[in-house]
Amino acid sequence: MGIKCNFNTLNYYKEQVSMLEKQFNPDMLYNRIVHFYIDKKGYSKEQANSIAQLVVQKEAQRRICKNEKCKHFTHDHVRNSETCLVANCECSEFTK
């Protein structure tokens, strides 16, 4: 017995997954920035770390809903801009 998969069902789930943004990974971003500034730009480790900290903080703030009742990340919103997916959150639109 094999697994039956309806083509329409498969497309539905693809659409649902594409509505969500990948979760923000600050560690990965931080490491990429530090290595870029050390390897490509020749900055010291301390300079690269301070730049990476600032960039990660700004990027995290950019991805947080500014609605006072919400404060969830973009990946917690449908299509990163519509209704919040967190239970008991009444936010209906991501506020920049």
PDB file of N, CA and C in Angstrom:
ATOM      1  N   MET A   1       0.831  -1.184   0.000  1.00  0.00           N
ATOM      2  CA  MET A   1       0.000   0.000   0.000  1.00  0.00           C
ATOM      3  C   MET A   1       0.873   1.244   0.000  1.00  0.00           C
ATOM      4  N   GLY A   2       0.626   2.102  -0.915  1.00  0.00           N
ATOM      5  CA  GLY A   2       1.354   3.359  -0.980  1.00  0.00           C
ATOM      6  C   GLY A   2       0.512   4.496  -0.434  1.00  0.00           C
ATOM      7  N   ILE A   3       1.140   5.634  -0.311  1.00  0.00           N
ATOM      8  CA  ILE A   3       0.438   6.819   0.162  1.00  0.00           C
ATOM      9  C   ILE A   3      -0.218   7.495  -1.027  1.00  0.00           C
ATOM     10  N   LYS A   4      -1.518   7.725  -0.908  1.00  0.00           N
ATOM     11  CA  LYS A   4      -2.232   8.435  -1.971  1.00  0.00           C
ATOM     12  C   LYS A   4      -2.118   9.931  -1.728  1.00  0.00           C
ATOM     13  N   CYS A   5      -1.830  10.657  -2.772  1.00  0.00           N
ATOM     14  CA  CYS A   5      -1.716  12.107  -2.642  1.00  0.00           C
ATOM     15  C   CYS A   5      -2.515  12.770  -3.741  1.00  0.00           C
ATOM     16  N   ASN A   6      -3.489  13.512  -3.365  1.00  0.00           N
ATOM     17  CA  ASN A   6      -4.298  14.248  -4.308  1.00  0.00           C
ATOM     18  C   ASN A   6      -3.511  15.486  -4.742  1.00  0.00           C
ATOM     19  N   PHE A   7      -3.423  15.731  -6.050  1.00  0.00           N
ATOM     20  CA  PHE A   7      -2.672  16.866  -6.581  1.00  0.00           C
ATOM     21  C   PHE A   7      -3.190  18.183  -6.024  1.00  0.00           C
ATOM     22  N   ASN A   8      -4.500  18.324  -5.901  1.00  0.00           N
ATOM     23  CA  ASN A   8      -5.077  19.566  -5.366  1.00  0.00           C
ATOM     24  C   ASN A   8      -4.696  19.769  -3.900  1.00  0.00           C
ATOM     25  N   THR A   9      -4.653  18.680  -3.144  1.00  0.00           N
ATOM     26  CA  THR A   9      -4.268  18.765  -1.739  1.00  0.00           C
ATOM     27  C   THR A   9      -2.819  19.211  -1.617  1.00  0.00           C
ATOM     28  N   LEU A  10      -1.960  18.653  -2.456  1.00  0.00           N
ATOM     29  CA  LEU A  10      -0.550  19.019  -2.448  1.00  0.00           C
ATOM     30  C   LEU A  10      -0.371  20.504  -2.765  1.00  0.00           C
ATOM     31  N   ASN A  11      -1.073  21.005  -3.763  1.00  0.00           N
ATOM     32  CA  ASN A  11      -0.992  22.428  -4.108  1.00  0.00           C
ATOM     33  C   ASN A  11      -1.504  23.307  -2.974  1.00  0.00           C
ATOM     34  N   TYR A  12      -2.554  22.869  -2.294  1.00  0.00           N
ATOM     35  CA  TYR A  12      -3.096  23.626  -1.171  1.00  0.00           C
ATOM     36  C   TYR A  12      -2.031  23.805  -0.094  1.00  0.00           C
ATOM     37  N   TYR A  13      -1.354  22.721   0.259  1.00  0.00           N
ATOM     38  CA  TYR A  13      -0.348  22.802   1.314  1.00  0.00           C
ATOM     39  C   TYR A  13       0.864  23.617   0.875  1.00  0.00           C
ATOM     40  N   LYS A  14       1.212  23.565  -0.397  1.00  0.00           N
ATOM     41  CA  LYS A  14       2.302  24.406  -0.906  1.00  0.00           C
ATOM     42  C   LYS A  14       1.949  25.875  -0.743  1.00  0.00           C
ATOM     43  N   GLU A  15       0.709  26.225  -1.065  1.00  0.00           N
ATOM     44  CA  GLU A  15       0.259  27.610  -0.923  1.00  0.00           C
ATOM     45  C   GLU A  15       0.291  28.040   0.538  1.00  0.00           C
ATOM     46  N   GLN A  16      -0.129  27.171   1.447  1.00  0.00           N
ATOM     47  CA  GLN A  16      -0.150  27.507   2.864  1.00  0.00           C
ATOM     48  C   GLN A  16       1.268  27.759   3.377  1.00  0.00           C
ATOM     49  N   VAL A  17       2.209  26.933   2.965  1.00  0.00           N
ATOM     50  CA  VAL A  17       3.590  27.095   3.405  1.00  0.00           C
ATOM     51  C   VAL A  17       4.192  28.361   2.810  1.00  0.00           C
ATOM     52  N   SER A  18       3.873  28.679   1.563  1.00  0.00           N
ATOM     53  CA  SER A  18       4.444  29.869   0.924  1.00  0.00           C
ATOM     54  C   SER A  18       3.897  31.158   1.522  1.00  0.00           C
ATOM     55  N   MET A  19       2.808  31.087   2.283  1.00  0.00           N
ATOM     56  CA  MET A  19       2.244  32.270   2.914  1.00  0.00           C
ATOM     57  C   MET A  19       3.069  32.704   4.127  1.00  0.00           C
ATOM     58  N   LEU A  20       3.921  31.839   4.620  1.00  0.00           N
ATOM     59  CA  LEU A  20       4.681  32.123   5.820  1.00  0.00           C
ATOM     60  C   LEU A  20       6.141  32.393   5.485  1.00  0.00           C
ATOM     61  N   GLU A  21       6.702  33.360   6.157  1.00  0.00           N
ATOM     62  CA  GLU A  21       8.109  33.679   5.981  1.00  0.00           C
ATOM     63  C   GLU A  21       8.943  32.730   6.842  1.00  0.00           C
ATOM     64  N   LYS A  22      10.156  32.448   6.402  1.00  0.00           N
ATOM     65  CA  LYS A  22      11.043  31.662   7.253  1.00  0.00           C
ATOM     66  C   LYS A  22      11.294  32.445   8.524  1.00  0.00           C
ATOM     67  N   GLN A  23      11.450  31.719   9.621  1.00  0.00           N
ATOM     68  CA  GLN A  23      11.684  32.390  10.886  1.00  0.00           C
ATOM     69  C   GLN A  23      13.035  33.092  10.866  1.00  0.00           C
ATOM     70  N   PHE A  24      13.078  34.228  11.514  1.00  0.00           N
ATOM     71  CA  PHE A  24      14.290  35.033  11.612  1.00  0.00           C
ATOM     72  C   PHE A  24      15.306  34.287  12.469  1.00  0.00           C
ATOM     73  N   ASN A  25      16.500  34.076  11.926  1.00  0.00           N
ATOM     74  CA  ASN A  25      17.561  33.377  12.643  1.00  0.00           C
ATOM     75  C   ASN A  25      18.683  34.376  12.928  1.00  0.00           C
ATOM     76  N   PRO A  26      18.670  35.014  14.096  1.00  0.00           N
ATOM     77  CA  PRO A  26      19.664  36.044  14.397  1.00  0.00           C
ATOM     78  C   PRO A  26      21.094  35.503  14.473  1.00  0.00           C
ATOM     79  N   ASP A  27      21.257  34.265  14.922  1.00  0.00           N
ATOM     80  CA  ASP A  27      22.605  33.695  15.025  1.00  0.00           C
ATOM     81  C   ASP A  27      23.254  33.527  13.664  1.00  0.00           C
ATOM     82  N   MET A  28      22.478  33.036  12.700  1.00  0.00           N
ATOM     83  CA  MET A  28      23.009  32.849  11.355  1.00  0.00           C
ATOM     84  C   MET A  28      23.381  34.205  10.733  1.00  0.00           C
ATOM     85  N   LEU A  29      22.505  35.180  10.866  1.00  0.00           N
ATOM     86  CA  LEU A  29      22.784  36.513  10.337  1.00  0.00           C
ATOM     87  C   LEU A  29      24.019  37.111  10.998  1.00  0.00           C
ATOM     88  N   TYR A  30      24.098  36.990  12.306  1.00  0.00           N
ATOM     89  CA  TYR A  30      25.229  37.517  13.074  1.00  0.00           C
ATOM     90  C   TYR A  30      26.542  36.917  12.568  1.00  0.00           C
ATOM     91  N   ASN A  31      26.584  35.598  12.430  1.00  0.00           N
ATOM     92  CA  ASN A  31      27.800  34.920  11.970  1.00  0.00           C
ATOM     93  C   ASN A  31      28.196  35.337  10.556  1.00  0.00           C
ATOM     94  N   ARG A  32      27.216  35.464   9.681  1.00  0.00           N
ATOM     95  CA  ARG A  32      27.508  35.871   8.295  1.00  0.00           C
ATOM     96  C   ARG A  32      28.086  37.282   8.248  1.00  0.00           C
ATOM     97  N   ILE A  33      27.542  38.178   9.049  1.00  0.00           N
ATOM     98  CA  ILE A  33      28.023  39.564   9.069  1.00  0.00           C
ATOM     99  C   ILE A  33      29.434  39.630   9.633  1.00  0.00           C
ATOM    100  N   VAL A  34      29.677  38.936  10.746  1.00  0.00           N
ATOM    101  CA  VAL A  34      31.010  38.948  11.359  1.00  0.00           C
ATOM    102  C   VAL A  34      32.049  38.414  10.379  1.00  0.00           C
ATOM    103  N   HIS A  35      31.762  37.289   9.752  1.00  0.00           N
ATOM    104  CA  HIS A  35      32.719  36.715   8.805  1.00  0.00           C
ATOM    105  C   HIS A  35      32.935  37.618   7.594  1.00  0.00           C
ATOM    106  N   PHE A  36      31.879  38.274   7.127  1.00  0.00           N
ATOM    107  CA  PHE A  36      32.019  39.187   5.993  1.00  0.00           C
ATOM    108  C   PHE A  36      32.981  40.325   6.339  1.00  0.00           C
ATOM    109  N   TYR A  37      32.766  40.966   7.481  1.00  0.00           N
ATOM    110  CA  TYR A  37      33.597  42.119   7.840  1.00  0.00           C
ATOM    111  C   TYR A  37      35.025  41.723   8.201  1.00  0.00           C
ATOM    112  N   ILE A  38      35.223  40.547   8.753  1.00  0.00           N
ATOM    113  CA  ILE A  38      36.585  40.101   9.061  1.00  0.00           C
ATOM    114  C   ILE A  38      37.299  39.640   7.787  1.00  0.00           C
ATOM    115  N   ASP A  39      36.641  38.766   7.008  1.00  0.00           N
ATOM    116  CA  ASP A  39      37.278  38.160   5.838  1.00  0.00           C
ATOM    117  C   ASP A  39      37.381  39.105   4.649  1.00  0.00           C
ATOM    118  N   LYS A  40      36.317  39.806   4.329  1.00  0.00           N
ATOM    119  CA  LYS A  40      36.284  40.636   3.113  1.00  0.00           C
ATOM    120  C   LYS A  40      36.744  42.069   3.333  1.00  0.00           C
ATOM    121  N   LYS A  41      36.396  42.613   4.478  1.00  0.00           N
ATOM    122  CA  LYS A  41      36.696  44.028   4.728  1.00  0.00           C
ATOM    123  C   LYS A  41      37.941  44.238   5.583  1.00  0.00           C
ATOM    124  N   GLY A  42      38.437  43.196   6.244  1.00  0.00           N
ATOM    125  CA  GLY A  42      39.636  43.304   7.058  1.00  0.00           C
ATOM    126  C   GLY A  42      39.443  44.008   8.394  1.00  0.00           C
ATOM    127  N   TYR A  43      38.220  44.041   8.899  1.00  0.00           N
ATOM    128  CA  TYR A  43      37.947  44.670  10.184  1.00  0.00           C
ATOM    129  C   TYR A  43      38.443  43.765  11.307  1.00  0.00           C
ATOM    130  N   SER A  44      38.657  44.341  12.485  1.00  0.00           N
ATOM    131  CA  SER A  44      39.030  43.540  13.652  1.00  0.00           C
ATOM    132  C   SER A  44      37.796  42.770  14.133  1.00  0.00           C
ATOM    133  N   LYS A  45      38.037  41.761  14.960  1.00  0.00           N
ATOM    134  CA  LYS A  45      36.944  40.949  15.482  1.00  0.00           C
ATOM    135  C   LYS A  45      35.974  41.796  16.302  1.00  0.00           C
ATOM    136  N   GLU A  46      36.506  42.735  17.086  1.00  0.00           N
ATOM    137  CA  GLU A  46      35.652  43.596  17.917  1.00  0.00           C
ATOM    138  C   GLU A  46      34.782  44.510  17.058  1.00  0.00           C
ATOM    139  N   GLN A  47      35.380  45.099  16.001  1.00  0.00           N
ATOM    140  CA  GLN A  47      34.606  45.969  15.106  1.00  0.00           C
ATOM    141  C   GLN A  47      33.509  45.183  14.396  1.00  0.00           C
ATOM    142  N   ALA A  48      33.855  44.006  13.905  1.00  0.00           N
ATOM    143  CA  ALA A  48      32.878  43.168  13.201  1.00  0.00           C
ATOM    144  C   ALA A  48      31.745  42.755  14.139  1.00  0.00           C
ATOM    145  N   ASN A  49      32.073  42.432  15.380  1.00  0.00           N
ATOM    146  CA  ASN A  49      31.043  42.053  16.354  1.00  0.00           C
ATOM    147  C   ASN A  49      30.096  43.207  16.655  1.00  0.00           C
ATOM    148  N   SER A  50      30.623  44.412  16.809  1.00  0.00           N
ATOM    149  CA  SER A  50      29.753  45.553  17.115  1.00  0.00           C
ATOM    150  C   SER A  50      28.839  45.884  15.933  1.00  0.00           C
ATOM    151  N   ILE A  51      29.369  45.775  14.716  1.00  0.00           N
ATOM    152  CA  ILE A  51      28.540  46.011  13.527  1.00  0.00           C
ATOM    153  C   ILE A  51      27.442  44.955  13.443  1.00  0.00           C
ATOM    154  N   ALA A  52      27.810  43.703  13.666  1.00  0.00           N
ATOM    155  CA  ALA A  52      26.834  42.610  13.590  1.00  0.00           C
ATOM    156  C   ALA A  52      25.734  42.781  14.631  1.00  0.00           C
ATOM    157  N   GLN A  53      26.084  43.209  15.836  1.00  0.00           N
ATOM    158  CA  GLN A  53      25.077  43.423  16.873  1.00  0.00           C
ATOM    159  C   GLN A  53      24.070  44.483  16.454  1.00  0.00           C
ATOM    160  N   LEU A  54      24.556  45.578  15.884  1.00  0.00           N
ATOM    161  CA  LEU A  54      23.653  46.648  15.444  1.00  0.00           C
ATOM    162  C   LEU A  54      22.729  46.174  14.328  1.00  0.00           C
ATOM    163  N   VAL A  55      23.285  45.459  13.362  1.00  0.00           N
ATOM    164  CA  VAL A  55      22.483  44.990  12.229  1.00  0.00           C
ATOM    165  C   VAL A  55      21.421  44.000  12.688  1.00  0.00           C
ATOM    166  N   VAL A  56      21.780  43.066  13.549  1.00  0.00           N
ATOM    167  CA  VAL A  56      20.821  42.069  14.041  1.00  0.00           C
ATOM    168  C   VAL A  56      19.713  42.738  14.847  1.00  0.00           C
ATOM    169  N   GLN A  57      20.049  43.729  15.674  1.00  0.00           N
ATOM    170  CA  GLN A  57      19.030  44.448  16.447  1.00  0.00           C
ATOM    171  C   GLN A  57      18.063  45.180  15.527  1.00  0.00           C
ATOM    172  N   LYS A  58      18.589  45.863  14.514  1.00  0.00           N
ATOM    173  CA  LYS A  58      17.723  46.585  13.571  1.00  0.00           C
ATOM    174  C   LYS A  58      16.833  45.627  12.801  1.00  0.00           C
ATOM    175  N   GLU A  59      17.400  44.515  12.356  1.00  0.00           N
ATOM    176  CA  GLU A  59      16.633  43.538  11.581  1.00  0.00           C
ATOM    177  C   GLU A  59      15.531  42.907  12.437  1.00  0.00           C
ATOM    178  N   ALA A  60      15.821  42.618  13.677  1.00  0.00           N
ATOM    179  CA  ALA A  60      14.803  42.058  14.573  1.00  0.00           C
ATOM    180  C   ALA A  60      13.674  43.057  14.789  1.00  0.00           C
ATOM    181  N   GLN A  61      14.007  44.326  15.018  1.00  0.00           N
ATOM    182  CA  GLN A  61      12.980  45.352  15.230  1.00  0.00           C
ATOM    183  C   GLN A  61      12.125  45.559  13.983  1.00  0.00           C
ATOM    184  N   ARG A  62      12.735  45.438  12.818  1.00  0.00           N
ATOM    185  CA  ARG A  62      12.010  45.609  11.557  1.00  0.00           C
ATOM    186  C   ARG A  62      10.970  44.508  11.376  1.00  0.00           C
ATOM    187  N   ARG A  63      11.232  43.341  11.937  1.00  0.00           N
ATOM    188  CA  ARG A  63      10.355  42.194  11.750  1.00  0.00           C
ATOM    189  C   ARG A  63       9.318  42.026  12.860  1.00  0.00           C
ATOM    190  N   ILE A  64       9.247  42.955  13.801  1.00  0.00           N
ATOM    191  CA  ILE A  64       8.273  42.883  14.891  1.00  0.00           C
ATOM    192  C   ILE A  64       7.105  43.820  14.586  1.00  0.00           C
ATOM    193  N   CYS A  65       5.892  43.311  14.765  1.00  0.00           N
ATOM    194  CA  CYS A  65       4.685  44.098  14.529  1.00  0.00           C
ATOM    195  C   CYS A  65       4.637  45.252  15.526  1.00  0.00           C
ATOM    196  N   LYS A  66       4.371  46.447  15.045  1.00  0.00           N
ATOM    197  CA  LYS A  66       4.340  47.636  15.903  1.00  0.00           C
ATOM    198  C   LYS A  66       2.977  47.863  16.552  1.00  0.00           C
ATOM    199  N   ASN A  67       2.018  46.981  16.270  1.00  0.00           N
ATOM    200  CA  ASN A  67       0.712  47.054  16.908  1.00  0.00           C
ATOM    201  C   ASN A  67       0.908  46.776  18.395  1.00  0.00           C
ATOM    202  N   GLU A  68       0.469  47.683  19.262  1.00  0.00           N
ATOM    203  CA  GLU A  68       0.671  47.566  20.709  1.00  0.00           C
ATOM    204  C   GLU A  68       0.082  46.284  21.288  1.00  0.00           C
ATOM    205  N   LYS A  69      -0.994  45.776  20.687  1.00  0.00           N
ATOM    206  CA  LYS A  69      -1.632  44.562  21.199  1.00  0.00           C
ATOM    207  C   LYS A  69      -0.951  43.298  20.686  1.00  0.00           C
ATOM    208  N   CYS A  70      -0.088  43.408  19.710  1.00  0.00           N
ATOM    209  CA  CYS A  70       0.480  42.227  19.056  1.00  0.00           C
ATOM    210  C   CYS A  70       1.954  42.003  19.416  1.00  0.00           C
ATOM    211  N   LYS A  71       2.857  42.753  18.809  1.00  0.00           N
ATOM    212  CA  LYS A  71       4.307  42.640  19.028  1.00  0.00           C
ATOM    213  C   LYS A  71       4.885  41.290  18.613  1.00  0.00           C
ATOM    214  N   HIS A  72       4.245  40.570  17.659  1.00  0.00           N
ATOM    215  CA  HIS A  72       4.758  39.299  17.175  1.00  0.00           C
ATOM    216  C   HIS A  72       5.579  39.518  15.901  1.00  0.00           C
ATOM    217  N   PHE A  73       6.400  38.536  15.535  1.00  0.00           N
ATOM    218  CA  PHE A  73       7.235  38.630  14.338  1.00  0.00           C
ATOM    219  C   PHE A  73       6.409  38.492  13.056  1.00  0.00           C
ATOM    220  N   THR A  74       6.975  38.915  11.933  1.00  0.00           N
ATOM    221  CA  THR A  74       6.294  38.813  10.641  1.00  0.00           C
ATOM    222  C   THR A  74       5.940  37.381  10.310  1.00  0.00           C
ATOM    223  N   HIS A  75       6.808  36.424  10.662  1.00  0.00           N
ATOM    224  CA  HIS A  75       6.512  35.032  10.322  1.00  0.00           C
ATOM    225  C   HIS A  75       5.342  34.478  11.128  1.00  0.00           C
ATOM    226  N   ASP A  76       4.831  35.236  12.090  1.00  0.00           N
ATOM    227  CA  ASP A  76       3.631  34.852  12.828  1.00  0.00           C
ATOM    228  C   ASP A  76       2.368  35.429  12.192  1.00  0.00           C
ATOM    229  N   HIS A  77       2.516  36.095  11.064  1.00  0.00           N
ATOM    230  CA  HIS A  77       1.391  36.694  10.346  1.00  0.00           C
ATOM    231  C   HIS A  77       1.218  36.004   8.992  1.00  0.00           C
ATOM    232  N   VAL A  78      -0.038  35.819   8.555  1.00  0.00           N
ATOM    233  CA  VAL A  78      -0.321  35.237   7.253  1.00  0.00           C
ATOM    234  C   VAL A  78       0.283  36.141   6.188  1.00  0.00           C
ATOM    235  N   ARG A  79       1.017  35.555   5.267  1.00  0.00           N
ATOM    236  CA  ARG A  79       1.709  36.280   4.189  1.00  0.00           C
ATOM    237  C   ARG A  79       2.572  37.416   4.725  1.00  0.00           C
ATOM    238  N   ASN A  80       2.989  37.310   5.968  1.00  0.00           N
ATOM    239  CA  ASN A  80       3.867  38.279   6.620  1.00  0.00           C
ATOM    240  C   ASN A  80       3.254  39.662   6.756  1.00  0.00           C
ATOM    241  N   SER A  81       1.969  39.815   6.451  1.00  0.00           N
ATOM    242  CA  SER A  81       1.373  41.147   6.555  1.00  0.00           C
ATOM    243  C   SER A  81      -0.088  41.135   6.976  1.00  0.00           C
ATOM    244  N   GLU A  82      -0.700  39.962   7.007  1.00  0.00           N
ATOM    245  CA  GLU A  82      -2.122  39.900   7.328  1.00  0.00           C
ATOM    246  C   GLU A  82      -2.337  39.398   8.750  1.00  0.00           C
ATOM    247  N   THR A  83      -3.427  38.740   9.011  1.00  0.00           N
ATOM    248  CA  THR A  83      -3.848  38.313  10.343  1.00  0.00           C
ATOM    249  C   THR A  83      -2.752  37.569  11.098  1.00  0.00           C
ATOM    250  N   CYS A  84      -2.630  37.880  12.371  1.00  0.00           N
ATOM    251  CA  CYS A  84      -1.652  37.221  13.230  1.00  0.00           C
ATOM    252  C   CYS A  84      -2.095  35.782  13.499  1.00  0.00           C
ATOM    253  N   LEU A  85      -1.149  34.855  13.463  1.00  0.00           N
ATOM    254  CA  LEU A  85      -1.449  33.436  13.656  1.00  0.00           C
ATOM    255  C   LEU A  85      -1.370  32.988  15.111  1.00  0.00           C
ATOM    256  N   VAL A  86      -0.946  33.863  15.998  1.00  0.00           N
ATOM    257  CA  VAL A  86      -0.809  33.505  17.403  1.00  0.00           C
ATOM    258  C   VAL A  86      -2.195  33.465  18.045  1.00  0.00           C
ATOM    259  N   ALA A  87      -2.451  32.389  18.788  1.00  0.00           N
ATOM    260  CA  ALA A  87      -3.752  32.229  19.447  1.00  0.00           C
ATOM    261  C   ALA A  87      -4.015  33.405  20.392  1.00  0.00           C
ATOM    262  N   ASN A  88      -5.239  33.841  20.435  1.00  0.00           N
ATOM    263  CA  ASN A  88      -5.697  34.929  21.311  1.00  0.00           C
ATOM    264  C   ASN A  88      -5.121  36.295  20.945  1.00  0.00           C
ATOM    265  N   CYS A  89      -4.555  36.441  19.768  1.00  0.00           N
ATOM    266  CA  CYS A  89      -4.077  37.750  19.309  1.00  0.00           C
ATOM    267  C   CYS A  89      -5.096  38.293  18.322  1.00  0.00           C
ATOM    268  N   GLU A  90      -5.543  39.511  18.532  1.00  0.00           N
ATOM    269  CA  GLU A  90      -6.579  40.097  17.709  1.00  0.00           C
ATOM    270  C   GLU A  90      -6.052  40.950  16.564  1.00  0.00           C
ATOM    271  N   CYS A  91      -4.748  40.938  16.359  1.00  0.00           N
ATOM    272  CA  CYS A  91      -4.140  41.731  15.293  1.00  0.00           C
ATOM    273  C   CYS A  91      -4.604  41.221  13.931  1.00  0.00           C
ATOM    274  N   SER A  92      -5.083  42.122  13.084  1.00  0.00           N
ATOM    275  CA  SER A  92      -5.581  41.716  11.767  1.00  0.00           C
ATOM    276  C   SER A  92      -4.661  42.173  10.639  1.00  0.00           C
ATOM    277  N   GLU A  93      -3.619  42.909  10.969  1.00  0.00           N
ATOM    278  CA  GLU A  93      -2.681  43.370   9.942  1.00  0.00           C
ATOM    279  C   GLU A  93      -1.336  43.699  10.581  1.00  0.00           C
ATOM    280  N   PHE A  94      -0.245  43.272   9.919  1.00  0.00           N
ATOM    281  CA  PHE A  94       1.096  43.576  10.408  1.00  0.00           C
ATOM    282  C   PHE A  94       1.324  45.074  10.280  1.00  0.00           C
ATOM    283  N   THR A  95       1.699  45.720  11.369  1.00  0.00           N
ATOM    284  CA  THR A  95       1.931  47.158  11.397  1.00  0.00           C
ATOM    285  C   THR A  95       3.418  47.423  11.379  1.00  0.00           C
ATOM    286  N   LYS A  96       3.862  48.205  10.404  1.00  0.00           N
ATOM    287  CA  LYS A  96       5.290  48.513  10.280  1.00  0.00           C
ATOM    288  C   LYS A  96       5.675  49.685  11.139  1.00  0.00           C
TER     289      LYS A  96
END
